[in-house]
Amino acid sequence: MQLQGKVAIVTAAGRGIGRGIALILARAG
């Protein structure tokens, strides 16, 4: 998935699936 030049807003990033998605996006840059 191309993330360059995109913005992602992840709600409920403190726990559960939201946290997992936030971590994956953070690693991707």
C-alpha atoms as a PDB file:
ATOM      1  CA  MET A   1       0.000   0.000   0.000  1.00  0.00           C
ATOM      2  CA  GLN A   2       1.382   3.420  -0.964  1.00  0.00           C
ATOM      3  CA  LEU A   3       1.274   5.777   2.024  1.00  0.00           C
ATOM      4  CA  GLN A   4       3.643   8.476   0.833  1.00  0.00           C
ATOM      5  CA  GLY A   5       1.929  11.866   0.679  1.00  0.00           C
ATOM      6  CA  LYS A   6      -1.129  10.581   2.548  1.00  0.00           C
ATOM      7  CA  VAL A   7      -2.544  11.395   5.985  1.00  0.00           C
ATOM      8  CA  ALA A   8      -4.110   8.783   8.262  1.00  0.00           C
ATOM      9  CA  ILE A   9      -6.247   9.618  11.284  1.00  0.00           C
ATOM     10  CA  VAL A  10      -6.555   6.664  13.647  1.00  0.00           C
ATOM     11  CA  THR A  11      -9.058   6.976  16.475  1.00  0.00           C
ATOM     12  CA  ALA A  12      -8.895   4.814  19.609  1.00  0.00           C
ATOM     13  CA  ALA A  13      -5.175   4.265  18.991  1.00  0.00           C
ATOM     14  CA  GLY A  14      -4.499   3.599  22.665  1.00  0.00           C
ATOM     15  CA  ARG A  15      -5.601  -0.028  22.608  1.00  0.00           C
ATOM     16  CA  GLY A  16      -6.930  -2.883  20.562  1.00  0.00           C
ATOM     17  CA  ILE A  17      -7.046  -2.866  16.781  1.00  0.00           C
ATOM     18  CA  GLY A  18      -6.667   0.924  16.635  1.00  0.00           C
ATOM     19  CA  ARG A  19      -3.326   0.630  18.412  1.00  0.00           C
ATOM     20  CA  GLY A  20      -2.197  -2.108  16.035  1.00  0.00           C
ATOM     21  CA  ILE A  21      -3.095  -0.026  12.997  1.00  0.00           C
ATOM     22  CA  ALA A  22      -1.363   3.044  14.447  1.00  0.00           C
ATOM     23  CA  LEU A  23       1.825   1.048  15.050  1.00  0.00           C
ATOM     24  CA  ILE A  24       1.815  -0.385  11.529  1.00  0.00           C
ATOM     25  CA  LEU A  25       1.311   3.063  10.007  1.00  0.00           C
ATOM     26  CA  ALA A  26       4.039   4.536  12.209  1.00  0.00           C
ATOM     27  CA  ARG A  27       6.494   1.860  11.066  1.00  0.00           C
ATOM     28  CA  ALA A  28       5.576   2.527   7.449  1.00  0.00           C
ATOM     29  CA  GLY A  29       6.459   6.188   7.923  1.00  0.00           C
END
